Protein backbone atom coordinates (compact mmCIF):
# COMPACT_ATOMS: atom_id res chain seq x y z
CA MET A 1 -67.40 -23.54 -71.96
CA LEU A 2 -70.90 -23.48 -73.48
CA LYS A 3 -69.41 -23.81 -76.97
CA LEU A 4 -67.48 -26.94 -75.99
CA CYS A 5 -70.65 -28.59 -74.68
CA GLU A 6 -72.46 -27.83 -77.94
CA ASP A 7 -69.56 -29.30 -79.95
CA GLU A 8 -69.67 -32.49 -77.91
CA ARG A 9 -73.41 -32.84 -78.41
CA ALA A 10 -73.06 -32.25 -82.18
CA ILE A 11 -70.37 -34.94 -82.49
CA LEU A 12 -72.46 -37.51 -80.63
CA GLN A 13 -75.63 -36.77 -82.61
CA ASP A 14 -74.20 -36.22 -86.09
CA GLU A 15 -71.56 -38.94 -86.23
CA PRO A 16 -72.68 -41.73 -83.89
CA SER A 17 -71.23 -44.53 -86.07
CA ASP A 18 -67.58 -43.51 -85.86
CA VAL A 19 -66.93 -44.29 -82.21
CA ILE A 20 -63.11 -44.07 -82.32
CA LYS A 21 -63.19 -40.74 -84.10
CA ASN A 22 -65.77 -39.40 -81.67
CA LEU A 23 -63.73 -40.49 -78.66
CA GLY A 24 -60.67 -38.72 -80.03
CA LEU A 25 -62.58 -35.52 -80.61
CA LEU A 26 -64.16 -35.67 -77.15
CA THR A 27 -60.75 -36.21 -75.53
CA ALA A 28 -59.32 -33.21 -77.35
CA LEU A 29 -62.25 -31.04 -76.30
CA ARG A 30 -61.93 -32.17 -72.65
CA GLN A 31 -58.21 -31.37 -72.55
CA ALA A 32 -58.88 -27.93 -74.01
CA SER A 33 -61.58 -27.36 -71.37
CA GLU A 34 -59.23 -28.38 -68.51
CA ALA A 35 -56.49 -26.08 -69.83
CA GLU A 36 -58.88 -23.14 -69.89
CA ALA A 37 -60.20 -23.69 -66.33
CA PRO A 38 -56.94 -22.78 -64.48
CA GLN A 39 -56.74 -19.55 -66.43
CA ASN A 40 -60.26 -18.65 -65.35
CA ARG A 41 -59.43 -19.49 -61.72
CA ALA A 42 -56.25 -17.39 -61.88
CA ALA A 43 -58.20 -14.45 -63.24
CA SER A 44 -60.80 -14.90 -60.51
CA LEU A 45 -58.14 -15.01 -57.77
CA SER A 46 -56.49 -11.92 -59.21
CA LYS A 47 -59.79 -10.04 -59.06
CA SER A 48 -60.46 -11.16 -55.46
CA ARG A 49 -56.97 -10.09 -54.34
CA LYS A 50 -57.42 -6.72 -56.00
CA LYS A 51 -60.76 -6.26 -54.26
CA ARG A 52 -59.30 -7.24 -50.87
CA ASN A 53 -56.39 -4.83 -51.34
CA GLU A 54 -58.83 -2.05 -52.14
CA MET A 55 -60.75 -2.87 -48.94
CA ASP A 56 -57.52 -2.89 -46.90
CA GLY A 57 -56.60 0.48 -48.35
CA SER A 58 -59.93 1.94 -47.34
CA ALA A 59 -59.53 0.53 -43.81
CA THR A 60 -56.12 2.13 -43.50
CA ASP A 61 -57.60 5.47 -44.44
CA SER A 62 -60.38 5.16 -41.84
CA PRO A 63 -60.37 7.63 -38.90
CA GLY A 64 -58.21 6.65 -35.87
CA PRO A 65 -56.17 8.21 -33.07
CA SER A 66 -54.37 11.06 -34.71
CA ASN A 67 -51.24 12.86 -33.64
CA ASN A 68 -53.44 15.80 -32.73
CA SER A 69 -55.52 13.74 -30.28
CA LEU A 70 -52.39 12.30 -28.68
CA SER A 71 -51.02 15.81 -28.33
CA ASP A 72 -54.26 16.83 -26.62
CA LYS A 73 -53.87 13.99 -24.10
CA VAL A 74 -50.29 14.95 -23.38
CA SER A 75 -51.35 18.56 -22.95
CA ARG A 76 -54.04 17.56 -20.46
CA MET A 77 -51.57 15.46 -18.49
CA LYS A 78 -49.08 18.29 -18.43
CA GLY A 79 -51.82 20.64 -17.35
CA GLY A 80 -52.59 18.40 -14.37
CA PHE A 81 -48.99 18.42 -13.25
CA GLN A 82 -48.79 22.17 -13.72
CA ARG A 83 -51.78 22.61 -11.44
CA SER A 84 -50.17 20.44 -8.76
CA THR A 85 -46.95 22.39 -9.06
CA SER A 86 -48.76 25.71 -8.82
CA VAL A 87 -50.43 24.65 -5.56
CA SER A 88 -47.08 23.75 -4.02
CA SER A 89 -45.59 27.03 -5.22
CA SER A 90 -48.40 29.07 -3.72
CA GLN A 91 -47.98 27.30 -0.40
CA ALA A 92 -44.28 28.09 -0.45
CA ARG A 93 -45.01 31.74 -1.20
CA GLU A 94 -47.36 31.86 1.78
CA GLY A 95 -44.45 30.77 3.96
CA ARG A 96 -46.04 27.46 4.98
CA ASP A 97 -43.68 24.78 6.20
CA PRO A 98 -43.81 21.46 4.37
CA ILE A 99 -45.83 18.87 6.24
CA VAL A 100 -43.73 15.95 7.39
CA GLN A 101 -45.55 12.70 6.67
CA ILE A 102 -45.58 10.31 9.63
CA LYS A 103 -46.18 6.60 9.20
CA VAL A 104 -49.79 5.78 10.08
CA GLU A 105 -49.94 3.36 12.97
CA GLU A 106 -52.59 0.68 12.62
CA GLY A 107 -54.21 -1.28 15.41
CA SER A 108 -57.39 -1.83 17.35
CA GLU A 109 -57.60 1.91 18.04
CA GLY A 110 -57.77 2.71 14.31
CA ALA A 111 -61.51 1.99 13.97
CA LYS A 112 -62.86 3.26 17.32
CA GLY A 113 -60.29 5.98 18.01
CA THR A 114 -58.11 6.49 21.06
CA LEU A 115 -59.47 7.34 24.50
CA ALA A 116 -58.22 10.92 24.14
CA GLU A 117 -59.97 11.18 20.78
CA ARG A 118 -63.26 9.82 22.09
CA SER A 119 -63.03 12.10 25.13
CA GLY A 120 -62.80 15.17 22.91
CA HIS A 121 -59.32 16.18 24.05
CA LEU A 122 -57.83 16.30 20.56
CA VAL A 123 -59.19 19.55 19.15
CA VAL A 124 -57.66 22.44 17.24
CA GLY A 125 -55.56 24.54 19.61
CA ALA A 126 -55.00 21.74 22.13
CA GLU A 127 -51.49 21.09 23.44
CA VAL A 128 -50.24 17.54 22.93
CA VAL A 129 -47.14 15.39 23.10
CA PHE A 130 -46.28 14.18 19.61
CA LYS A 131 -44.57 10.84 20.19
CA HIS A 132 -41.44 10.08 18.23
CA ASN A 133 -41.51 7.28 15.69
CA LYS A 134 -39.91 4.31 17.44
CA ASN A 135 -38.03 3.39 14.26
CA LYS A 136 -36.51 6.85 13.86
CA GLN A 137 -32.86 7.08 14.80
CA GLY A 138 -31.05 9.99 16.43
CA VAL A 139 -34.01 11.56 18.28
CA GLU A 140 -33.95 12.46 21.97
CA GLY A 141 -36.66 11.69 24.45
CA GLU A 142 -40.10 10.18 23.90
CA GLY A 143 -41.70 13.09 22.06
CA ILE A 144 -42.09 16.84 21.74
CA GLN A 145 -44.70 19.37 22.80
CA CYS A 146 -46.91 20.47 19.88
CA ILE A 147 -50.15 22.30 19.17
CA ILE A 148 -52.94 20.86 17.00
CA LYS A 149 -53.33 23.22 14.03
CA GLY A 150 -55.76 21.29 11.86
CA ILE A 151 -57.86 18.11 11.61
CA SER A 152 -58.92 16.32 8.41
CA GLY A 153 -60.71 13.11 7.46
CA GLU A 154 -63.07 10.91 9.43
CA GLY A 155 -62.82 7.55 11.17
CA PRO A 156 -59.69 5.52 10.37
CA LYS A 157 -58.61 8.23 7.90
CA LYS A 158 -58.66 11.03 10.45
CA ARG A 159 -55.39 12.97 10.53
CA TYR A 160 -53.99 15.74 12.74
CA ASP A 161 -51.63 18.54 11.71
CA VAL A 162 -49.50 19.38 14.74
CA GLN A 163 -46.90 22.14 14.94
CA ASP A 164 -43.79 22.49 17.05
CA PRO A 165 -44.26 25.81 18.89
CA GLU A 166 -40.53 26.43 18.98
CA PRO A 167 -39.00 28.22 15.95
CA ASN A 168 -36.24 26.43 14.07
CA GLU A 169 -32.57 27.43 13.99
CA ASN A 170 -33.34 30.03 11.30
CA GLY A 171 -35.98 31.72 13.43
CA GLU A 172 -38.81 30.41 11.23
CA GLN A 173 -42.00 28.83 12.50
CA GLY A 174 -41.72 25.30 13.85
CA ALA A 175 -42.28 22.31 11.58
CA VAL A 176 -45.77 20.94 10.97
CA TYR A 177 -46.34 17.17 11.17
CA LYS A 178 -49.27 15.09 9.92
CA THR A 179 -50.08 12.16 12.16
CA THR A 180 -52.82 10.07 13.78
CA ALA A 181 -54.39 10.13 17.23
CA ALA A 182 -52.31 7.08 18.20
CA SER A 183 -49.18 9.28 18.17
CA LEU A 184 -50.66 12.02 20.38
CA ILE A 185 -50.93 12.36 24.16
CA PRO A 186 -53.09 15.27 25.34
CA ILE A 187 -51.59 17.77 27.79
CA PRO A 188 -54.14 18.92 30.41
CA ARG A 189 -55.58 22.38 29.87
CA ILE A 190 -54.69 25.17 32.25
CA GLY A 191 -57.12 25.08 35.17
CA SER A 192 -58.26 21.49 34.57
CA THR A 193 -58.08 18.72 37.16
CA LEU A 194 -54.61 17.15 37.15
CA PRO A 195 -53.83 13.48 37.84
CA SER A 196 -52.01 12.42 41.00
CA PHE A 197 -49.03 10.08 40.82
CA PRO A 198 -47.58 8.13 43.77
CA LEU A 199 -43.90 8.01 44.68
CA GLY A 200 -41.92 5.70 42.41
CA LYS A 201 -44.40 6.04 39.55
CA GLN A 202 -42.88 6.04 36.05
CA VAL A 203 -44.18 9.06 34.12
CA LEU A 204 -43.61 11.10 30.97
CA ALA A 205 -42.48 14.63 31.80
CA ARG A 206 -41.24 17.74 30.02
CA TYR A 207 -37.61 18.46 30.81
CA PRO A 208 -37.25 21.99 32.26
CA ASP A 209 -36.62 24.79 29.76
CA THR A 210 -37.23 22.48 26.76
CA THR A 211 -40.20 21.15 24.80
CA THR A 212 -38.96 17.55 24.89
CA PHE A 213 -40.58 14.86 27.03
CA TYR A 214 -38.57 12.11 28.74
CA ARG A 215 -39.35 9.22 31.04
CA ALA A 216 -38.92 10.01 34.71
CA GLU A 217 -39.62 8.67 38.19
CA VAL A 218 -41.72 10.53 40.75
CA MET A 219 -39.58 11.28 43.81
CA GLY A 220 -41.93 13.72 45.56
CA ALA A 221 -44.74 16.23 45.07
CA LYS A 222 -45.74 19.74 46.04
CA LYS A 223 -48.83 21.77 45.29
CA ASP A 224 -47.92 22.81 41.76
CA VAL A 225 -44.92 20.65 40.89
CA TYR A 226 -43.58 17.12 40.97
CA ARG A 227 -40.02 16.37 41.98
CA LEU A 228 -38.66 13.99 39.37
CA LYS A 229 -35.56 12.01 38.54
CA PHE A 230 -35.20 11.84 34.77
CA GLU A 231 -34.04 8.70 33.06
CA GLY A 232 -30.31 8.94 32.30
CA GLU A 233 -29.64 11.70 34.83
CA GLU A 234 -27.20 11.37 37.75
CA ASP A 235 -28.58 9.25 40.58
CA ASP A 236 -28.92 12.08 43.06
CA LYS A 237 -30.15 14.78 40.67
CA GLU A 238 -33.84 15.68 41.00
CA MET A 239 -35.74 18.39 39.16
CA GLU A 240 -39.07 20.09 39.69
CA VAL A 241 -41.60 20.05 36.85
CA ASP A 242 -44.98 21.76 36.55
CA ARG A 243 -47.68 19.18 37.31
CA ARG A 244 -49.44 19.99 34.04
CA PHE A 245 -46.46 18.61 32.11
CA VAL A 246 -46.21 15.34 34.05
CA LEU A 247 -48.22 12.69 32.23
CA ASP A 248 -49.06 9.05 32.59
CA ILE A 249 -47.23 6.74 30.18
CA PRO A 250 -49.79 5.22 27.77
CA GLY A 251 -50.27 1.50 28.34
CA LYS A 252 -48.84 1.56 31.88
């Protein structure tokens, strides 16, 4: 390019009188210059592409998540599941019954607790009536007699593990249920003051020789027992039930 400029200057200085000749020479030089420029641009583009490709290649080789690191993550995840499985297995070996999850009932009592809970009646070892889930089909009565075996959590998250004292059909320990205070009715302790119910009062009572509680009507009373007519029984059939297992129906 520098040489072409020098040639143009030499033509203009050395042969100023021959204008037509000079114009022809200048035109030829300009055309040659324009033909050379695209070649230079092509070479420049080729170099830039090559440089960019080299940079891309180096980026591809840069460190990133390797198969080894992914394998480590998978191993850790598997390890977590193995730990969970091992806990369940150990519980099974110890002969513990699986805890049946009961739907948590929500309501105004959830934050402040039930009256029985606030009164300190729901403690480990206490006898309670575990009320049946109203949506559960095929169950008899209003609930079953259970014993509180454990308590966990605080406030609205407080849960009770209650166990059926009766063994199952295989002679194994009764099932354990996890529930809330809203599903429990305390049974008075032996020797405690028992409530008095008038004739005609609707109560919750344990059917004789079972651990199931049913609704009943008070027909009479003695010192240690109530004479009751259970819901669904024959009109004239009355049964005596220990006063300790005759309870007020919550909400009535």
